[in-house]
C-alpha atoms as a PDB file:
ATOM      1  CA  MET A   1       8.096 -24.600 -10.186  1.00  0.00           C
ATOM      2  CA  GLY A   2      11.362 -25.243  -8.323  1.00  0.00           C
ATOM      3  CA  ILE A   3       9.770 -25.765  -4.918  1.00  0.00           C
ATOM      4  CA  VAL A   4      10.223 -29.531  -4.870  1.00  0.00           C
ATOM      5  CA  SER A   5      13.374 -30.015  -6.945  1.00  0.00           C
ATOM      6  CA  TYR A   6      15.649 -28.083  -4.562  1.00  0.00           C
ATOM      7  CA  ARG A   7      15.028 -30.697  -1.881  1.00  0.00           C
ATOM      8  CA  TYR A   8      17.009 -33.247  -3.856  1.00  0.00           C
ATOM      9  CA  LEU A   9      20.225 -31.219  -3.701  1.00  0.00           C
ATOM     10  CA  PRO A  10      22.477 -32.474  -0.865  1.00  0.00           C
ATOM     11  CA  GLY A  11      22.569 -30.085   2.064  1.00  0.00           C
ATOM     12  CA  TRP A  12      19.898 -27.780   0.631  1.00  0.00           C
ATOM     13  CA  ASP A  13      16.881 -29.145   2.447  1.00  0.00           C
ATOM     14  CA  SER A  14      17.107 -26.447   5.122  1.00  0.00           C
ATOM     15  CA  ARG A  15      18.204 -23.503   2.977  1.00  0.00           C
ATOM     16  CA  PRO A  16      15.927 -20.460   2.593  1.00  0.00           C
ATOM     17  CA  LEU A  17      14.120 -20.319  -0.717  1.00  0.00           C
ATOM     18  CA  PHE A  18      13.412 -17.149  -2.689  1.00  0.00           C
ATOM     19  CA  ILE A  19      10.868 -17.453  -5.498  1.00  0.00           C
ATOM     20  CA  THR A  20      11.240 -14.648  -8.037  1.00  0.00           C
ATOM     21  CA  GLU A  21       9.375 -13.395 -11.092  1.00  0.00           C
ATOM     22  CA  THR A  22       6.170 -15.259 -10.352  1.00  0.00           C
ATOM     23  CA  GLY A  23       3.002 -14.552 -12.254  1.00  0.00           C
ATOM     24  CA  TRP A  24       0.260 -15.711 -14.557  1.00  0.00           C
ATOM     25  CA  PRO A  25      -0.296 -14.392 -18.113  1.00  0.00           C
ATOM     26  CA  SER A  26      -3.903 -13.348 -17.556  1.00  0.00           C
ATOM     27  CA  ASP A  27      -6.038 -11.361 -15.151  1.00  0.00           C
ATOM     28  CA  SER A  28      -7.408 -14.459 -13.437  1.00  0.00           C
ATOM     29  CA  PRO A  29      -7.019 -16.024  -9.954  1.00  0.00           C
ATOM     30  CA  PHE A  30      -3.550 -17.428  -9.406  1.00  0.00           C
ATOM     31  CA  PHE A  31      -1.909 -16.262  -6.188  1.00  0.00           C
ATOM     32  CA  THR A  32      -4.682 -17.441  -3.857  1.00  0.00           C
ATOM     33  CA  THR A  33      -4.195 -21.024  -5.036  1.00  0.00           C
ATOM     34  CA  ALA A  34      -0.406 -20.738  -5.209  1.00  0.00           C
ATOM     35  CA  PHE A  35      -0.011 -19.342  -1.689  1.00  0.00           C
ATOM     36  CA  GLY A  36      -2.701 -21.539  -0.177  1.00  0.00           C
ATOM     37  CA  GLN A  37      -1.800 -24.889  -1.720  1.00  0.00           C
ATOM     38  CA  PHE A  38       1.749 -24.850  -3.061  1.00  0.00           C
ATOM     39  CA  TRP A  39       3.885 -22.085  -1.537  1.00  0.00           C
ATOM     40  CA  THR A  40       3.440 -23.277   2.038  1.00  0.00           C
ATOM     41  CA  ASP A  41       6.916 -24.667   2.775  1.00  0.00           C
ATOM     42  CA  ASN A  42       8.509 -23.136   5.890  1.00  0.00           C
ATOM     43  CA  ASN A  43      11.793 -22.640   4.021  1.00  0.00           C
ATOM     44  CA  ILE A  44      10.192 -20.158   1.632  1.00  0.00           C
ATOM     45  CA  VAL A  45      11.095 -16.708   2.946  1.00  0.00           C
ATOM     46  CA  ALA A  46      10.296 -14.461  -0.036  1.00  0.00           C
ATOM     47  CA  ILE A  47       8.130 -14.489  -3.145  1.00  0.00           C
ATOM     48  CA  THR A  48       8.339 -11.713  -5.725  1.00  0.00           C
ATOM     49  CA  PRO A  49       5.442 -11.188  -8.151  1.00  0.00           C
ATOM     50  CA  PHE A  50       6.331 -10.268 -11.741  1.00  0.00           C
ATOM     51  CA  ILE A  51       5.739  -7.534 -12.953  1.00  0.00           C
ATOM     52  CA  LEU A  52       4.308  -4.356 -11.380  1.00  0.00           C
ATOM     53  CA  GLN A  53       3.542  -2.395 -14.531  1.00  0.00           C
ATOM     54  CA  ALA A  54       4.295  -3.037 -18.178  1.00  0.00           C
ATOM     55  CA  ALA A  55       2.125  -0.731 -20.228  1.00  0.00           C
ATOM     56  CA  SER A  56       2.815  -2.597 -23.465  1.00  0.00           C
ATOM     57  CA  GLY A  57       4.957  -5.323 -24.933  1.00  0.00           C
ATOM     58  CA  ASP A  58       5.434  -8.989 -24.120  1.00  0.00           C
ATOM     59  CA  PHE A  59       5.224  -8.516 -20.353  1.00  0.00           C
ATOM     60  CA  ALA A  60       1.949  -6.563 -20.325  1.00  0.00           C
ATOM     61  CA  LYS A  61      -0.062  -9.755 -19.812  1.00  0.00           C
ATOM     62  CA  PHE A  62       1.838 -10.393 -16.549  1.00  0.00           C
ATOM     63  CA  SER A  63       1.463  -6.818 -15.278  1.00  0.00           C
ATOM     64  CA  LEU A  64      -0.263  -6.179 -11.929  1.00  0.00           C
ATOM     65  CA  LEU A  65      -1.281  -2.665 -13.047  1.00  0.00           C
ATOM     66  CA  ASP A  66      -2.943  -1.762 -16.321  1.00  0.00           C
ATOM     67  CA  ALA A  67      -1.601   0.764 -18.832  1.00  0.00           C
ATOM     68  CA  THR A  68      -3.163   3.662 -16.866  1.00  0.00           C
ATOM     69  CA  GLY A  69      -1.622   2.542 -13.563  1.00  0.00           C
ATOM     70  CA  GLN A  70      -4.843   1.162 -12.094  1.00  0.00           C
ATOM     71  CA  PRO A  71      -4.772  -2.173 -10.216  1.00  0.00           C
ATOM     72  CA  LYS A  72      -5.866  -5.248 -12.147  1.00  0.00           C
ATOM     73  CA  ASN A  73      -7.764  -8.107 -10.505  1.00  0.00           C
ATOM     74  CA  ILE A  74      -4.575 -10.068  -9.925  1.00  0.00           C
ATOM     75  CA  TYR A  75      -3.113  -7.080  -8.003  1.00  0.00           C
ATOM     76  CA  ARG A  76      -6.216  -6.921  -5.827  1.00  0.00           C
ATOM     77  CA  GLU A  77      -5.950 -10.666  -5.294  1.00  0.00           C
ATOM     78  CA  ILE A  78      -2.482 -10.211  -3.762  1.00  0.00           C
ATOM     79  CA  VAL A  79      -3.652  -7.311  -1.595  1.00  0.00           C
ATOM     80  CA  ALA A  80      -6.592  -9.344  -0.300  1.00  0.00           C
ATOM     81  CA  LEU A  81      -4.488 -12.336   0.751  1.00  0.00           C
ATOM     82  CA  PRO A  82      -4.171 -12.829   4.530  1.00  0.00           C
ATOM     83  CA  LYS A  83      -0.695 -11.841   5.670  1.00  0.00           C
ATOM     84  CA  ASN A  84       1.452 -12.393   8.733  1.00  0.00           C
ATOM     85  CA  THR A  85       4.443 -10.259   9.625  1.00  0.00           C
ATOM     86  CA  GLY A  86       7.613 -12.290   9.106  1.00  0.00           C
ATOM     87  CA  SER A  87      11.247 -11.823  10.027  1.00  0.00           C
ATOM     88  CA  PRO A  88      13.330 -14.629   8.517  1.00  0.00           C
ATOM     89  CA  LEU A  89      16.617 -15.236  10.311  1.00  0.00           C
ATOM     90  CA  LEU A  90      19.216 -15.498   7.578  1.00  0.00           C
ATOM     91  CA  SER A  91      22.402 -14.386   9.358  1.00  0.00           C
ATOM     92  CA  ASP A  92      23.992 -17.846   9.262  1.00  0.00           C
ATOM     93  CA  ILE A  93      23.832 -18.175   5.499  1.00  0.00           C
ATOM     94  CA  LEU A  94      23.522 -14.661   4.094  1.00  0.00           C
ATOM     95  CA  ALA A  95      26.710 -12.763   3.280  1.00  0.00           C
ATOM     96  CA  LEU A  96      26.136  -9.007   3.114  1.00  0.00           C
ATOM     97  CA  PRO A  97      28.430  -6.479   1.390  1.00  0.00           C
ATOM     98  CA  PRO A  98      30.736  -4.270   3.461  1.00  0.00           C
ATOM     99  CA  GLY A  99      28.879  -1.577   5.384  1.00  0.00           C
ATOM    100  CA  ILE A 100      25.596  -3.528   5.392  1.00  0.00           C
ATOM    101  CA  ALA A 101      25.362  -5.705   8.467  1.00  0.00           C
ATOM    102  CA  VAL A 102      22.884  -7.087  10.955  1.00  0.00           C
ATOM    103  CA  THR A 103      23.514  -7.662  14.629  1.00  0.00           C
ATOM    104  CA  SER A 104      21.905 -10.177  16.925  1.00  0.00           C
ATOM    105  CA  ALA A 105      19.778  -9.139  19.907  1.00  0.00           C
ATOM    106  CA  GLY A 106      18.329 -12.166  21.647  1.00  0.00           C
ATOM    107  CA  ALA A 107      16.218 -14.075  19.148  1.00  0.00           C
ATOM    108  CA  ASN A 108      15.701 -11.090  16.857  1.00  0.00           C
ATOM    109  CA  LEU A 109      17.840  -9.464  14.216  1.00  0.00           C
ATOM    110  CA  ILE A 110      18.195  -5.690  14.402  1.00  0.00           C
ATOM    111  CA  PRO A 111      19.128  -4.054  11.072  1.00  0.00           C
ATOM    112  CA  SER A 112      22.003  -1.599  11.101  1.00  0.00           C
ATOM    113  CA  ALA A 113      21.483   2.066  10.184  1.00  0.00           C
ATOM    114  CA  PRO A 114      22.478   1.574   6.496  1.00  0.00           C
ATOM    115  CA  VAL A 115      19.931  -1.237   6.145  1.00  0.00           C
ATOM    116  CA  ILE A 116      17.175   0.875   7.681  1.00  0.00           C
ATOM    117  CA  SER A 117      18.086   3.836   5.464  1.00  0.00           C
ATOM    118  CA  LEU A 118      18.028   1.673   2.336  1.00  0.00           C
ATOM    119  CA  TRP A 119      14.695   0.157   3.335  1.00  0.00           C
ATOM    120  CA  HIS A 120      13.143   3.590   3.821  1.00  0.00           C
ATOM    121  CA  LYS A 121      14.417   4.678   0.404  1.00  0.00           C
ATOM    122  CA  LEU A 122      12.888   1.581  -1.205  1.00  0.00           C
ATOM    123  CA  ILE A 123       9.554   2.275   0.489  1.00  0.00           C
ATOM    124  CA  LYS A 124       9.573   5.874  -0.761  1.00  0.00           C
ATOM    125  CA  PHE A 125      10.508   4.731  -4.265  1.00  0.00           C
ATOM    126  CA  TRP A 126       7.628   2.237  -4.267  1.00  0.00           C
ATOM    127  CA  ASP A 127       5.209   4.912  -3.056  1.00  0.00           C
ATOM    128  CA  ALA A 128       6.413   7.263  -5.810  1.00  0.00           C
ATOM    129  CA  VAL A 129       5.799   4.563  -8.420  1.00  0.00           C
ATOM    130  CA  ARG A 130       2.254   4.212  -7.106  1.00  0.00           C
ATOM    131  CA  GLY A 131       1.797   7.999  -7.137  1.00  0.00           C
ATOM    132  CA  LEU A 132       1.620   8.300  -3.353  1.00  0.00           C
ATOM    133  CA  THR A 133       2.966  10.958  -1.040  1.00  0.00           C
ATOM    134  CA  SER A 134       3.382  10.895   2.747  1.00  0.00           C
ATOM    135  CA  ILE A 135       1.379  13.035   5.156  1.00  0.00           C
ATOM    136  CA  LYS A 136       1.004  12.908   8.904  1.00  0.00           C
ATOM    137  CA  ILE A 137      -2.117  13.573  10.978  1.00  0.00           C
ATOM    138  CA  SER A 138      -1.135  14.179  14.568  1.00  0.00           C
ATOM    139  CA  SER A 139       1.431  11.364  14.988  1.00  0.00           C
ATOM    140  CA  THR A 140      -0.056   8.970  12.409  1.00  0.00           C
ATOM    141  CA  SER A 141       1.474   8.624   8.945  1.00  0.00           C
ATOM    142  CA  LEU A 142      -0.704   8.075   5.893  1.00  0.00           C
ATOM    143  CA  GLN A 143       0.164   7.426   2.236  1.00  0.00           C
ATOM    144  CA  VAL A 144      -2.121   9.424  -0.053  1.00  0.00           C
ATOM    145  CA  GLU A 145      -2.858  10.082  -3.683  1.00  0.00           C
ATOM    146  CA  VAL A 146      -3.061  13.812  -4.339  1.00  0.00           C
ATOM    147  CA  ALA A 147      -6.138  15.181  -6.117  1.00  0.00           C
ATOM    148  CA  ASP A 148      -5.193  18.794  -6.836  1.00  0.00           C
ATOM    149  CA  THR A 149      -6.805  19.384 -10.247  1.00  0.00           C
ATOM    150  CA  GLU A 150     -10.458  19.570 -11.241  1.00  0.00           C
ATOM    151  CA  ALA A 151     -10.165  16.348 -13.240  1.00  0.00           C
ATOM    152  CA  LYS A 152      -8.569  14.405 -10.372  1.00  0.00           C
ATOM    153  CA  ARG A 153     -11.030  15.776  -7.829  1.00  0.00           C
ATOM    154  CA  SER A 154     -14.016  14.895 -10.040  1.00  0.00           C
ATOM    155  CA  LEU A 155     -12.812  11.319 -10.536  1.00  0.00           C
ATOM    156  CA  GLY A 156     -11.736  10.737  -6.928  1.00  0.00           C
ATOM    157  CA  LEU A 157     -11.993   7.081  -5.937  1.00  0.00           C
ATOM    158  CA  SER A 158     -14.949   6.342  -8.201  1.00  0.00           C
ATOM    159  CA  GLY A 159     -15.028   2.884  -9.722  1.00  0.00           C
ATOM    160  CA  ARG A 160     -12.318   1.335  -7.547  1.00  0.00           C
ATOM    161  CA  ALA A 161     -13.027  -1.969  -5.865  1.00  0.00           C
ATOM    162  CA  MET A 162     -10.943  -1.192  -2.782  1.00  0.00           C
ATOM    163  CA  MET A 163      -8.243   0.994  -1.259  1.00  0.00           C
ATOM    164  CA  ASP A 164      -5.128  -0.367   0.429  1.00  0.00           C
ATOM    165  CA  GLU A 165      -4.937  -0.181   4.203  1.00  0.00           C
ATOM    166  CA  ASN A 166      -3.357   3.010   5.561  1.00  0.00           C
ATOM    167  CA  THR A 167      -3.763   4.858   2.278  1.00  0.00           C
ATOM    168  CA  GLY A 168      -6.133   7.615   1.278  1.00  0.00           C
ATOM    169  CA  MET A 169      -6.878  10.399  -1.174  1.00  0.00           C
ATOM    170  CA  TRP A 170      -5.891  13.986  -0.386  1.00  0.00           C
ATOM    171  CA  PHE A 171      -8.081  16.628  -2.044  1.00  0.00           C
ATOM    172  CA  LYS A 172      -6.536  20.094  -2.211  1.00  0.00           C
ATOM    173  CA  PHE A 173      -8.395  23.264  -3.186  1.00  0.00           C
ATOM    174  CA  GLU A 174      -6.991  26.654  -4.178  1.00  0.00           C
ATOM    175  CA  ILE A 175      -9.357  28.634  -1.931  1.00  0.00           C
ATOM    176  CA  PRO A 176     -11.469  27.663   1.101  1.00  0.00           C
ATOM    177  CA  GLY A 177     -15.052  26.759   0.260  1.00  0.00           C
ATOM    178  CA  ILE A 178     -17.958  24.455   1.020  1.00  0.00           C
ATOM    179  CA  TYR A 179     -17.254  21.571  -1.342  1.00  0.00           C
ATOM    180  CA  PRO A 180     -19.867  18.781  -1.631  1.00  0.00           C
ATOM    181  CA  PHE A 181     -18.703  15.213  -2.273  1.00  0.00           C
ATOM    182  CA  TRP A 182     -20.929  12.791  -4.147  1.00  0.00           C
ATOM    183  CA  MET A 183     -20.272   9.069  -3.585  1.00  0.00           C
ATOM    184  CA  LYS A 184     -20.991   8.346  -7.237  1.00  0.00           C
ATOM    185  CA  ASP A 185     -19.753   4.946  -8.453  1.00  0.00           C
ATOM    186  CA  MET A 186     -18.123   4.268  -5.065  1.00  0.00           C
ATOM    187  CA  LYS A 187     -17.875   0.611  -4.030  1.00  0.00           C
ATOM    188  CA  PHE A 188     -16.834   0.933  -0.371  1.00  0.00           C
ATOM    189  CA  PRO A 189     -17.564   3.325   2.537  1.00  0.00           C
ATOM    190  CA  LEU A 190     -15.240   6.120   3.615  1.00  0.00           C
ATOM    191  CA  ASP A 191     -14.302   8.358   6.510  1.00  0.00           C
ATOM    192  CA  PHE A 192     -14.072  12.056   5.533  1.00  0.00           C
ATOM    193  CA  ILE A 193     -11.557  14.344   7.242  1.00  0.00           C
ATOM    194  CA  TRP A 194     -12.262  18.042   6.582  1.00  0.00           C
ATOM    195  CA  ILE A 195      -9.331  20.438   6.980  1.00  0.00           C
ATOM    196  CA  ARG A 196      -8.754  24.167   6.908  1.00  0.00           C
ATOM    197  CA  GLY A 197      -5.407  25.843   7.373  1.00  0.00           C
ATOM    198  CA  GLY A 198      -3.741  22.521   8.186  1.00  0.00           C
ATOM    199  CA  LYS A 199      -6.130  21.710  11.074  1.00  0.00           C
ATOM    200  CA  ILE A 200      -8.966  19.189  11.150  1.00  0.00           C
ATOM    201  CA  VAL A 201     -12.231  21.091  11.563  1.00  0.00           C
ATOM    202  CA  GLU A 202     -14.750  18.290  11.028  1.00  0.00           C
ATOM    203  CA  ILE A 203     -14.941  14.495  10.646  1.00  0.00           C
ATOM    204  CA  ASP A 204     -17.651  12.349   9.058  1.00  0.00           C
ATOM    205  CA  LYS A 205     -17.378   8.586   9.567  1.00  0.00           C
ATOM    206  CA  ASN A 206     -18.525   5.541   7.608  1.00  0.00           C
ATOM    207  CA  ILE A 207     -20.182   7.382   4.755  1.00  0.00           C
ATOM    208  CA  GLY A 208     -21.897   4.759   2.617  1.00  0.00           C
ATOM    209  CA  ILE A 209     -23.315   4.558  -0.842  1.00  0.00           C
ATOM    210  CA  PRO A 210     -25.073   6.474  -2.269  1.00  0.00           C
ATOM    211  CA  ALA A 211     -24.614   9.722  -0.405  1.00  0.00           C
ATOM    212  CA  VAL A 212     -23.767  13.374  -0.800  1.00  0.00           C
ATOM    213  CA  ILE A 213     -21.604  14.681   2.027  1.00  0.00           C
ATOM    214  CA  ILE A 214     -21.119  18.417   2.662  1.00  0.00           C
ATOM    215  CA  PRO A 215     -18.961  20.104   5.316  1.00  0.00           C
ATOM    216  CA  LYS A 216     -20.606  22.479   7.790  1.00  0.00           C
ATOM    217  CA  GLY A 217     -18.022  25.181   7.109  1.00  0.00           C
ATOM    218  CA  LYS A 218     -15.392  26.182   4.577  1.00  0.00           C
ATOM    219  CA  VAL A 219     -12.422  23.880   4.025  1.00  0.00           C
ATOM    220  CA  ASP A 220      -9.369  23.888   1.767  1.00  0.00           C
ATOM    221  CA  GLN A 221      -8.397  20.211   2.072  1.00  0.00           C
ATOM    222  CA  VAL A 222     -10.259  16.917   2.414  1.00  0.00           C
ATOM    223  CA  ILE A 223      -8.850  13.458   3.104  1.00  0.00           C
ATOM    224  CA  GLU A 224     -10.788  10.314   2.260  1.00  0.00           C
ATOM    225  CA  VAL A 225      -9.746   7.112   4.051  1.00  0.00           C
ATOM    226  CA  ASN A 226     -11.251   3.669   4.486  1.00  0.00           C
ATOM    227  CA  ALA A 227     -14.182   3.606   6.905  1.00  0.00           C
ATOM    228  CA  GLY A 228     -12.921   2.851  10.405  1.00  0.00           C
ATOM    229  CA  TRP A 229      -9.481   4.430   9.914  1.00  0.00           C
ATOM    230  CA  VAL A 230     -10.357   7.532  11.951  1.00  0.00           C
ATOM    231  CA  ASP A 231     -11.425   5.488  14.983  1.00  0.00           C
ATOM    232  CA  LYS A 232      -8.538   3.036  14.631  1.00  0.00           C
ATOM    233  CA  TYR A 233      -5.958   5.832  14.948  1.00  0.00           C
ATOM    234  CA  ASP A 234      -8.001   8.094  17.256  1.00  0.00           C
ATOM    235  CA  ILE A 235      -8.061  11.023  14.824  1.00  0.00           C
ATOM    236  CA  LYS A 236      -9.880  14.045  16.281  1.00  0.00           C
ATOM    237  CA  GLU A 237     -10.964  17.566  15.396  1.00  0.00           C
ATOM    238  CA  GLY A 238      -8.102  19.933  16.119  1.00  0.00           C
ATOM    239  CA  ASP A 239      -5.408  17.474  14.999  1.00  0.00           C
ATOM    240  CA  ILE A 240      -2.789  18.959  12.675  1.00  0.00           C
ATOM    241  CA  LEU A 241      -1.898  17.761   9.206  1.00  0.00           C
ATOM    242  CA  THR A 242       1.697  17.982   7.993  1.00  0.00           C
ATOM    243  CA  HIS A 243       3.285  16.975   4.695  1.00  0.00           C
ATOM    244  CA  GLU A 244       6.219  14.624   5.232  1.00  0.00           C
ATOM    245  CA  GLN A 245       9.058  15.548   2.901  1.00  0.00           C
ATOM    246  CA  ASN A 246      10.632  12.675   0.923  1.00  0.00           C
END
């Protein structure tokens, strides 16, 4: 695995360790055991799962997403792992190319503008791969899947085991109307945000299963988020929705 052997190299016992292309050739538990029992060394600063999506071929068995882009169990296993925000201090040993630098501020490292710009581009690229777009409600950003066809709206979130934190589904309709939503085949509760003309006109919280939810008036957009998201970010009727341009 390479986690023990590096200790035997002179002078390497305090070097940061990056574990790349990790995975297991089946859709069975792997990362929970690996992170909980083996990848616990303080020198480990990054672990990269392999591979996000391989629709076919030799790598398909390692893929975190299936051929249709839906998360496999091993993907959900990674999402469900407890996580702590980290900020490894690598300035003493990491040489960066010209124009990419970090500066020290007390005990923290503050990335320079080029680093921040690159990071934002990587985030947007990752969201695009996942089919997400950025919207903002009041001052809160949300990554959403867009359901703007009859087929996408009919399927919705049905059959999914979970939805990532701070993500949602954005339903868009051609004309305002009273559109009922049926929680068919849903596996987790939702908050519903009803919108007309870019403004929130109604909110329904913690809608469980089974249920049919109908707005009181006409709407042209609906956003589904995990139950509790509305309260967590203090979303209210009258708040404005905007589409953040990539």
